[in-house]
Amino acid sequence: MPQMGYDMLEGTVVRWLMTEGSEVNIGDALAEIETDKAVVEFEATEPGLLRKILVAEGATVPVGQVIAIVGDADEDISALESGDASPAPAPEPEPAPAEAPSEEEAAIPLPPPAAAADTEAPAAGGLRASPVARRIADEREIDLRQIQGTGPGGRVTKNDVLNFEPAEQPPAPVEAAPVVVASSEKPAPTPVEPPKPVVTPSVAAQTEAAGELVPMSRVRQQIARVTAKSKREAPHFYVSAEIDMTKAMDLRKQINATLESEGVRVSVNDMIIRACAQALKGFPNLNSYYTDDGIQMNDGINIGIAIAGEQGLILPAIMESGTMSLAEIAKASKDLVERATKGTLHAREYTGGTFAVSNLGMFDVTSFIAIIQPPQSAVLAVGTVAPRPIADGGEIKVASMMTATISADHRVTDGAESAQFLVAVKKMLEDPMSLLV
């Protein structure tokens, strides 16, 4: 099972696209894999024959588990079929005595060191759960010990956590306040009734207004996890600029008239992507990934574009955007959107983005700020292009204006660098002939 995203822990085999015995070439689509983001084609990385399919359609398995065997016709695959060649899980290091256990370790008891290496045997006093199940349980504040696992050996799976409904706890009894009697000669006090719970009008209204609880799709769950993680861990800051798109809109009309016979149509978003791709060459920090070990610089410029689907937003990338002409970007962008709709995007298009553009101009949105897509370091949010009055040389004129806002990770860059990048994008869009060079 390939890892089709930096935070992907498991995937589901939706459909096998080849049968056992089929000849496989590098780049051939072997199967459709459903991740938390979408359905992606899994491509072969080695040539040979599809000797054996080990995971049935509909099965969900963790990243790294063998799902099929590709090899030569006379190659001995018995060890792979039996699972003997599967890599053993790395033993967990014992925490130093002086260190406090992590939040996850404190919430869920781990098996003793002697049993840790045996992943199939139940650990005494411990609990087995998939990493994604532990993470979701932690996010929802669910004690995994309350869940009956349906996985192998009672292992708690992600679906076990998602389908878990905690039992309602009975209200704690309210004891009457003790009554102090000063003298035994006085009559016994009247029994005091326990106070009744008070329900405020606002709480009562919320209870009455509660409607159907709609389960979240896998895409929506992934969006919730990624955006919360991004806002929690990456210190976002924002820089905005007003861009005069008058010349760019005029040039776009000329380009589309010229390329109409070729079936190519350049959009405003294509021009923005082209400007960003050119500007990023001078600002590599904004095209990088933050890691705990340092800033990972990316040689290629792969600009992701936000695409709204039925179940939520996805952000596939136009690979090698920095080497493309404006017309090539227009073709690639159209192709990306079409394949995103059909669910035939490649894994590298989901995982390889180094920068992103989110455009809500088609919804008549003036401006907004976007959340960074980890592990990227920046995203540019652009609004609609609309006529506005501006001051030009002491005179008031009407121009086609657009607001652009960059969200950037302060661990990787700062306001001055982001402002300089935005100015570079602004200059190219206001002098659009530079986009054709």
Protein backbone atom coordinates (compact mmCIF):
# COMPACT_ATOMS: atom_id res chain seq x y z
CA MET A 1 0.00 0.00 0.00
CA PRO A 2 1.66 3.22 -1.14
CA GLN A 3 1.72 6.37 0.96
CA MET A 4 -0.17 8.93 -1.12
CA GLY A 5 0.21 11.82 1.29
CA TYR A 6 2.51 12.78 4.10
CA ASP A 7 -0.15 11.96 6.73
CA MET A 8 -1.73 8.90 5.04
CA LEU A 9 -1.71 5.85 7.32
CA GLU A 10 -3.98 3.43 5.45
CA GLY A 11 -5.82 3.02 2.17
CA THR A 12 -8.65 1.01 0.62
CA VAL A 13 -8.33 -1.03 -2.57
CA VAL A 14 -11.36 0.11 -4.54
CA ARG A 15 -10.76 -1.82 -7.76
CA TRP A 16 -8.01 -3.83 -9.37
CA LEU A 17 -7.37 -2.61 -12.92
CA MET A 18 -5.30 -5.69 -13.91
CA THR A 19 -5.73 -9.39 -13.37
CA GLU A 20 -3.18 -11.92 -12.20
CA GLY A 21 -0.83 -12.88 -15.03
CA SER A 22 -1.10 -9.50 -16.77
CA GLU A 23 2.09 -7.93 -18.13
CA VAL A 24 3.02 -4.79 -16.19
CA ASN A 25 5.12 -1.85 -17.38
CA ILE A 26 6.41 1.05 -15.32
CA GLY A 27 3.64 3.63 -15.00
CA ASP A 28 0.78 1.21 -15.69
CA ALA A 29 -2.22 1.68 -13.41
CA LEU A 30 -2.54 -1.43 -11.24
CA ALA A 31 -5.40 -0.45 -8.94
CA GLU A 32 -7.59 2.35 -7.69
CA ILE A 33 -6.77 3.26 -4.10
CA GLU A 34 -9.11 5.30 -1.91
CA THR A 35 -7.36 7.59 0.55
CA ASP A 36 -8.79 10.14 2.93
CA LYS A 37 -8.57 12.65 0.08
CA ALA A 38 -9.92 10.85 -2.98
CA VAL A 39 -9.62 7.80 -5.23
CA VAL A 40 -6.18 7.64 -6.88
CA GLU A 41 -4.68 5.29 -9.44
CA PHE A 42 -1.75 3.24 -8.09
CA GLU A 43 0.95 2.98 -10.76
CA ALA A 44 3.55 0.24 -11.13
CA THR A 45 7.13 1.19 -10.32
CA GLU A 46 8.73 -1.96 -11.76
CA PRO A 47 8.08 -4.04 -14.90
CA GLY A 48 7.13 -7.71 -14.87
CA LEU A 49 4.03 -9.86 -14.47
CA LEU A 50 1.27 -9.33 -11.91
CA ARG A 51 1.94 -12.65 -10.22
CA LYS A 52 -0.38 -12.43 -7.22
CA ILE A 53 -3.08 -10.14 -5.77
CA LEU A 54 -2.97 -10.37 -1.98
CA VAL A 55 -5.65 -7.87 -0.95
CA ALA A 56 -9.25 -8.08 -2.12
CA GLU A 57 -11.25 -5.16 -3.43
CA GLY A 58 -12.85 -3.22 -0.59
CA ALA A 59 -10.15 -4.12 1.94
CA THR A 60 -8.48 -1.38 3.97
CA VAL A 61 -4.85 -1.99 4.92
CA PRO A 62 -2.08 0.11 6.47
CA VAL A 63 0.56 1.85 4.40
CA GLY A 64 3.48 -0.46 3.66
CA GLN A 65 1.52 -3.72 3.67
CA VAL A 66 2.07 -5.87 0.57
CA ILE A 67 -1.07 -5.84 -1.58
CA ALA A 68 0.25 -7.49 -4.76
CA ILE A 69 3.39 -9.12 -6.18
CA VAL A 70 4.98 -8.12 -9.47
CA GLY A 71 7.88 -10.27 -10.66
CA ASP A 72 9.33 -12.45 -13.38
CA ALA A 73 7.42 -15.46 -14.66
CA ASP A 74 9.88 -17.96 -13.14
CA GLU A 75 10.58 -16.05 -9.93
CA ASP A 76 9.96 -17.83 -6.61
CA ILE A 77 7.37 -15.75 -4.74
CA SER A 78 6.45 -18.30 -2.07
CA ALA A 79 8.10 -16.27 0.69
CA LEU A 80 6.18 -13.16 -0.35
CA GLU A 81 2.88 -15.05 -0.58
CA SER A 82 3.28 -16.39 2.95
CA GLY A 83 4.22 -12.96 4.24
CA ASP A 84 7.66 -14.12 5.44
CA ALA A 85 9.36 -11.37 3.45
CA SER A 86 7.23 -8.59 4.90
CA PRO A 87 9.32 -6.17 6.92
CA ALA A 88 8.92 -6.59 10.66
CA PRO A 89 7.69 -3.56 12.58
CA ALA A 90 10.43 -1.56 14.22
CA PRO A 91 10.48 -2.05 18.02
CA GLU A 92 9.36 0.95 19.98
CA PRO A 93 12.20 2.52 22.00
CA GLU A 94 11.78 2.43 25.75
CA PRO A 95 11.27 5.90 27.22
CA ALA A 96 13.98 7.21 29.49
CA PRO A 97 12.97 7.00 33.19
CA ALA A 98 13.37 10.75 33.66
CA GLU A 99 11.03 11.63 30.80
CA ALA A 100 7.29 11.96 31.28
CA PRO A 101 5.17 9.77 28.99
CA SER A 102 3.57 11.42 25.99
CA GLU A 103 -0.14 12.22 26.00
CA GLU A 104 -0.90 9.19 23.83
CA GLU A 105 1.19 6.83 25.99
CA ALA A 106 -0.45 8.14 29.14
CA ALA A 107 -3.95 7.63 27.76
CA ILE A 108 -3.40 4.08 26.44
CA PRO A 109 -1.25 1.55 28.35
CA LEU A 110 1.44 -0.03 26.17
CA PRO A 111 2.43 -3.70 26.31
CA PRO A 112 5.50 -4.62 28.34
CA PRO A 113 8.83 -4.69 26.42
CA ALA A 114 8.90 -8.50 26.29
CA ALA A 115 5.62 -8.66 24.37
CA ALA A 116 6.10 -5.59 22.21
CA ALA A 117 7.90 -7.47 19.44
CA ASP A 118 5.03 -9.95 19.05
CA THR A 119 2.48 -7.85 17.20
CA GLU A 120 0.05 -10.75 16.76
CA ALA A 121 -0.23 -11.81 20.42
CA PRO A 122 -2.49 -9.77 22.72
CA ALA A 123 -0.45 -7.79 25.19
CA ALA A 124 -1.14 -8.25 28.88
CA GLY A 125 -2.93 -5.20 30.18
CA GLY A 126 -2.37 -3.46 26.85
CA LEU A 127 -4.45 -2.50 23.86
CA ARG A 128 -3.84 -2.84 20.14
CA ALA A 129 -5.11 -0.14 17.83
CA SER A 130 -4.10 1.22 14.44
CA PRO A 131 -2.27 4.57 14.45
CA VAL A 132 -5.18 6.32 12.73
CA ALA A 133 -7.61 4.84 15.26
CA ARG A 134 -5.51 6.18 18.12
CA ARG A 135 -5.33 9.60 16.50
CA ILE A 136 -9.07 9.88 15.88
CA ALA A 137 -9.83 8.60 19.36
CA ASP A 138 -7.51 11.23 20.80
CA GLU A 139 -9.19 13.97 18.75
CA ARG A 140 -12.65 12.87 19.90
CA GLU A 141 -11.52 12.25 23.49
CA ILE A 142 -12.60 8.60 23.36
CA ASP A 143 -11.05 6.00 25.66
CA LEU A 144 -10.01 3.16 23.35
CA ARG A 145 -10.52 0.67 26.17
CA GLN A 146 -14.28 1.19 25.78
CA ILE A 147 -14.24 0.01 22.15
CA GLN A 148 -14.51 -3.61 21.04
CA GLY A 149 -12.00 -4.03 18.21
CA THR A 150 -13.06 -5.85 15.04
CA GLY A 151 -9.60 -6.11 13.53
CA PRO A 152 -7.29 -9.14 13.66
CA GLY A 153 -6.81 -10.27 17.25
CA GLY A 154 -9.26 -7.65 18.52
CA ARG A 155 -7.28 -4.75 17.06
CA VAL A 156 -9.21 -1.47 17.17
CA THR A 157 -9.57 -0.04 13.66
CA LYS A 158 -10.47 3.41 12.41
CA ASN A 159 -14.02 2.32 11.61
CA ASP A 160 -14.42 0.97 15.13
CA VAL A 161 -13.66 4.45 16.48
CA LEU A 162 -15.84 6.27 13.94
CA ASN A 163 -18.80 3.97 14.65
CA PHE A 164 -18.39 4.02 18.42
CA GLU A 165 -21.25 5.56 20.38
CA PRO A 166 -20.39 6.08 24.06
CA ALA A 167 -23.01 4.87 26.49
CA GLU A 168 -24.92 7.56 28.27
CA GLN A 169 -23.80 7.92 31.87
CA PRO A 170 -26.60 8.09 34.47
CA PRO A 171 -26.70 11.39 36.31
CA ALA A 172 -24.88 11.37 39.61
CA PRO A 173 -27.23 11.38 42.59
CA VAL A 174 -27.58 14.74 44.30
CA GLU A 175 -27.27 14.46 48.04
CA ALA A 176 -29.32 16.69 50.26
CA ALA A 177 -27.38 19.21 52.27
CA PRO A 178 -26.88 18.05 55.88
CA VAL A 179 -29.12 19.74 58.46
CA VAL A 180 -27.47 20.71 61.72
CA VAL A 181 -29.70 20.47 64.83
CA ALA A 182 -28.61 22.62 67.75
CA SER A 183 -30.55 20.71 70.41
CA SER A 184 -32.16 17.31 70.64
CA GLU A 185 -35.15 18.92 72.32
CA LYS A 186 -36.11 20.74 69.11
CA PRO A 187 -38.48 19.03 66.67
CA ALA A 188 -36.91 17.01 63.89
CA PRO A 189 -36.32 19.02 60.71
CA THR A 190 -38.49 18.59 57.67
CA PRO A 191 -36.73 16.37 55.10
CA VAL A 192 -35.01 18.42 52.41
CA GLU A 193 -35.68 17.41 48.80
CA PRO A 194 -32.68 17.27 46.45
CA PRO A 195 -32.45 20.34 44.24
CA LYS A 196 -33.83 19.88 40.74
CA PRO A 197 -31.48 20.51 37.80
CA VAL A 198 -32.04 23.88 36.22
CA VAL A 199 -32.23 23.98 32.44
CA THR A 200 -31.63 27.42 31.05
CA PRO A 201 -33.71 28.58 28.06
CA SER A 202 -30.66 28.57 25.81
CA VAL A 203 -29.83 24.94 26.61
CA ALA A 204 -33.44 23.91 26.17
CA ALA A 205 -33.58 25.68 22.81
CA GLN A 206 -30.42 23.92 21.65
CA THR A 207 -31.85 20.54 22.61
CA GLU A 208 -35.10 21.19 20.78
CA ALA A 209 -33.30 22.57 17.72
CA ALA A 210 -30.95 19.58 17.37
CA GLY A 211 -31.50 17.86 14.04
CA GLU A 212 -30.02 14.91 12.22
CA LEU A 213 -26.38 14.02 12.91
CA VAL A 214 -24.80 13.67 9.47
CA PRO A 215 -21.68 11.46 9.34
CA MET A 216 -18.68 13.09 7.70
CA SER A 217 -17.27 11.67 4.50
CA ARG A 218 -13.67 10.47 4.47
CA VAL A 219 -12.71 13.56 2.49
CA ARG A 220 -14.36 15.86 5.03
CA GLN A 221 -12.70 13.99 7.91
CA GLN A 222 -9.33 14.44 6.23
CA ILE A 223 -9.98 18.15 5.64
CA ALA A 224 -10.87 18.53 9.32
CA ARG A 225 -7.70 16.80 10.48
CA VAL A 226 -5.31 18.53 8.06
CA THR A 227 -6.66 22.05 8.52
CA ALA A 228 -6.77 21.73 12.30
CA LYS A 229 -3.22 20.39 12.33
CA SER A 230 -2.03 23.19 10.02
CA LYS A 231 -3.58 25.98 12.09
CA ARG A 232 -2.38 24.36 15.33
CA GLU A 233 1.23 23.76 14.31
CA ALA A 234 2.08 26.30 11.59
CA PRO A 235 2.17 29.95 12.74
CA HIS A 236 0.24 31.58 9.89
CA PHE A 237 0.69 35.21 8.92
CA TYR A 238 -0.93 37.09 6.06
CA VAL A 239 0.10 39.74 3.52
CA SER A 240 -2.36 41.33 1.05
CA ALA A 241 -2.05 43.47 -2.06
CA GLU A 242 -4.38 45.08 -4.60
CA ILE A 243 -3.50 44.16 -8.19
CA ASP A 244 -4.60 46.08 -11.28
CA MET A 245 -5.66 43.35 -13.70
CA THR A 246 -6.81 45.67 -16.50
CA LYS A 247 -3.92 44.88 -18.86
CA ALA A 248 -3.98 41.20 -17.93
CA MET A 249 -7.67 40.92 -18.83
CA ASP A 250 -7.07 42.64 -22.18
CA LEU A 251 -4.14 40.34 -22.97
CA ARG A 252 -6.19 37.31 -21.98
CA LYS A 253 -8.82 38.21 -24.56
CA GLN A 254 -6.15 38.49 -27.27
CA ILE A 255 -4.53 35.18 -26.31
CA ASN A 256 -7.83 33.29 -26.27
CA ALA A 257 -8.79 34.71 -29.67
CA THR A 258 -5.46 33.54 -31.07
CA LEU A 259 -5.55 30.06 -29.49
CA GLU A 260 -9.25 29.39 -30.11
CA SER A 261 -8.50 27.21 -33.12
CA GLU A 262 -6.23 25.03 -30.94
CA GLY A 263 -8.92 24.52 -28.31
CA VAL A 264 -6.87 26.33 -25.64
CA ARG A 265 -8.49 28.85 -23.33
CA VAL A 266 -6.43 30.76 -20.76
CA SER A 267 -8.21 31.59 -17.51
CA VAL A 268 -7.39 34.28 -14.97
CA ASN A 269 -6.24 31.51 -12.65
CA ASP A 270 -3.79 30.26 -15.29
CA MET A 271 -2.20 33.71 -15.44
CA ILE A 272 -1.92 33.79 -11.64
CA ILE A 273 -0.31 30.35 -11.60
CA ARG A 274 2.17 31.40 -14.27
CA ALA A 275 3.07 34.56 -12.31
CA CYS A 276 3.52 32.57 -9.08
CA ALA A 277 5.66 29.93 -10.80
CA GLN A 278 7.98 32.61 -12.17
CA ALA A 279 8.15 34.55 -8.90
CA LEU A 280 8.89 31.45 -6.80
CA LYS A 281 12.19 31.01 -8.62
CA GLY A 282 13.44 34.02 -6.69
CA PHE A 283 11.85 33.03 -3.37
CA PRO A 284 12.70 29.36 -2.73
CA ASN A 285 11.65 29.49 0.94
CA LEU A 286 8.03 29.87 -0.12
CA ASN A 287 8.43 26.74 -2.25
CA SER A 288 9.83 24.63 0.61
CA TYR A 289 8.64 22.24 3.31
CA TYR A 290 9.14 22.72 7.03
CA THR A 291 10.51 19.66 8.86
CA ASP A 292 11.72 19.13 12.41
CA ASP A 293 15.24 18.64 11.03
CA GLY A 294 15.27 21.81 8.93
CA ILE A 295 13.77 23.44 5.85
CA GLN A 296 13.45 21.02 2.95
CA MET A 297 14.07 22.95 -0.28
CA ASN A 298 12.28 21.73 -3.40
CA ASP A 299 14.01 21.83 -6.78
CA GLY A 300 10.76 21.62 -8.75
CA ILE A 301 7.86 24.09 -8.62
CA ASN A 302 4.56 22.20 -8.45
CA ILE A 303 1.63 24.55 -7.89
CA GLY A 304 -1.52 23.07 -6.42
CA ILE A 305 -4.92 24.44 -7.35
CA ALA A 306 -7.93 24.22 -5.04
CA ILE A 307 -10.74 22.20 -6.66
CA ALA A 308 -14.14 21.99 -4.97
CA GLY A 309 -15.70 18.53 -5.24
CA GLU A 310 -18.98 17.07 -4.03
CA GLN A 311 -17.45 15.83 -0.78
CA GLY A 312 -15.00 18.65 -0.15
CA LEU A 313 -11.91 20.47 -1.32
CA ILE A 314 -8.87 18.82 -2.89
CA LEU A 315 -5.57 20.43 -3.84
CA PRO A 316 -3.83 18.51 -6.64
CA ALA A 317 -0.76 20.07 -8.23
CA ILE A 318 0.31 20.94 -11.75
CA MET A 319 3.67 19.22 -11.77
CA GLU A 320 6.73 21.21 -12.94
CA SER A 321 4.73 24.41 -13.30
CA GLY A 322 7.97 26.39 -13.30
CA THR A 323 8.99 24.97 -16.68
CA MET A 324 5.64 25.52 -18.43
CA SER A 325 4.50 28.32 -20.71
CA LEU A 326 1.18 30.06 -20.09
CA ALA A 327 -0.53 27.96 -22.77
CA GLU A 328 0.90 24.75 -21.30
CA ILE A 329 -0.34 25.72 -17.85
CA ALA A 330 -3.81 26.36 -19.30
CA LYS A 331 -3.87 22.87 -20.87
CA ALA A 332 -2.51 21.20 -17.73
CA SER A 333 -4.98 23.02 -15.49
CA LYS A 334 -7.97 21.98 -17.59
CA ASP A 335 -6.75 18.38 -17.69
CA LEU A 336 -6.20 18.35 -13.91
CA VAL A 337 -9.72 19.57 -13.18
CA GLU A 338 -11.28 17.03 -15.57
CA ARG A 339 -9.36 14.11 -14.09
CA ALA A 340 -10.10 15.30 -10.54
CA THR A 341 -13.81 15.13 -11.39
CA LYS A 342 -13.42 11.59 -12.77
CA GLY A 343 -11.21 10.44 -9.89
CA THR A 344 -8.25 9.52 -12.10
CA LEU A 345 -5.54 11.73 -10.63
CA HIS A 346 -2.07 10.33 -10.02
CA ALA A 347 -0.68 9.93 -6.52
CA ARG A 348 2.19 12.35 -7.18
CA GLU A 349 -0.32 15.06 -8.11
CA TYR A 350 -1.83 14.77 -4.61
CA THR A 351 1.44 14.57 -2.72
CA GLY A 352 3.88 16.64 -4.80
CA GLY A 353 2.52 20.18 -4.43
CA THR A 354 5.09 22.75 -3.27
CA PHE A 355 2.90 25.88 -3.34
CA ALA A 356 -0.82 26.49 -3.81
CA VAL A 357 -3.32 28.93 -5.31
CA SER A 358 -6.89 29.11 -4.04
CA ASN A 359 -9.26 31.18 -6.17
CA LEU A 360 -12.81 32.08 -5.10
CA GLY A 361 -13.26 34.76 -7.73
CA MET A 362 -15.90 32.74 -9.57
CA PHE A 363 -18.10 33.07 -6.46
CA ASP A 364 -17.85 36.87 -6.51
CA VAL A 365 -15.73 36.84 -3.34
CA THR A 366 -13.70 40.02 -2.93
CA SER A 367 -10.98 38.64 -0.64
CA PHE A 368 -10.27 35.87 1.85
CA ILE A 369 -7.38 34.11 3.57
CA ALA A 370 -6.53 30.45 3.02
CA ILE A 371 -5.10 27.74 5.29
CA ILE A 372 -1.69 26.33 4.35
CA GLN A 373 -1.72 22.75 3.08
CA PRO A 374 0.99 20.80 4.99
CA PRO A 375 3.82 20.22 4.34
CA GLN A 376 3.77 23.29 2.07
CA SER A 377 4.82 26.67 3.45
CA ALA A 378 2.50 29.10 1.65
CA VAL A 379 -0.75 29.51 -0.27
CA LEU A 380 -2.04 32.46 -2.30
CA ALA A 381 -5.75 33.33 -1.99
CA VAL A 382 -7.25 35.47 -4.75
CA GLY A 383 -10.67 37.03 -5.08
CA THR A 384 -12.74 38.19 -8.03
CA VAL A 385 -11.57 40.65 -10.67
CA ALA A 386 -14.03 43.54 -10.53
CA PRO A 387 -14.15 47.18 -11.72
CA ARG A 388 -13.26 49.64 -8.95
CA PRO A 389 -12.37 53.32 -8.84
CA ILE A 390 -8.67 53.93 -8.22
CA ALA A 391 -6.40 56.98 -8.07
CA ASP A 392 -4.02 57.22 -11.03
CA GLY A 393 -1.72 60.23 -11.36
CA GLY A 394 -4.03 62.49 -9.41
CA GLU A 395 -7.09 61.36 -11.35
CA ILE A 396 -9.83 58.86 -10.56
CA LYS A 397 -10.32 56.05 -13.05
CA VAL A 398 -12.03 52.68 -13.12
CA ALA A 399 -9.76 49.64 -13.27
CA SER A 400 -10.20 45.86 -13.07
CA MET A 401 -8.88 45.16 -9.57
CA MET A 402 -8.15 41.94 -7.70
CA THR A 403 -7.16 41.34 -4.06
CA ALA A 404 -4.48 38.70 -3.40
CA THR A 405 -3.48 37.48 0.07
CA ILE A 406 -0.61 35.15 0.82
CA SER A 407 -0.73 32.91 3.90
CA ALA A 408 2.76 31.86 4.94
CA ASP A 409 4.41 29.74 7.64
CA HIS A 410 6.45 31.99 9.94
CA ARG A 411 8.78 29.08 10.77
CA VAL A 412 10.02 29.18 7.17
CA THR A 413 9.68 32.78 6.03
CA ASP A 414 8.80 36.25 7.29
CA GLY A 415 6.63 39.19 6.32
CA ALA A 416 9.28 41.03 4.33
CA GLU A 417 10.06 38.07 2.08
CA SER A 418 6.38 37.27 1.53
CA ALA A 419 5.68 40.91 0.71
CA GLN A 420 8.51 40.94 -1.85
CA PHE A 421 7.12 37.77 -3.44
CA LEU A 422 3.66 39.31 -3.62
CA VAL A 423 5.08 42.46 -5.21
CA ALA A 424 6.83 40.30 -7.83
CA VAL A 425 3.54 38.55 -8.67
CA LYS A 426 1.79 41.93 -8.80
CA LYS A 427 4.34 43.38 -11.22
CA MET A 428 4.02 40.46 -13.62
CA LEU A 429 0.21 40.59 -13.63
CA GLU A 430 0.18 44.36 -14.10
CA ASP A 431 2.73 44.00 -16.94
CA PRO A 432 1.35 40.74 -18.35
CA MET A 433 3.61 40.56 -21.42
CA SER A 434 6.23 39.17 -18.99
CA LEU A 435 4.02 36.09 -18.60
CA LEU A 436 4.63 35.23 -22.26
CA VAL A 437 8.43 35.29 -22.00
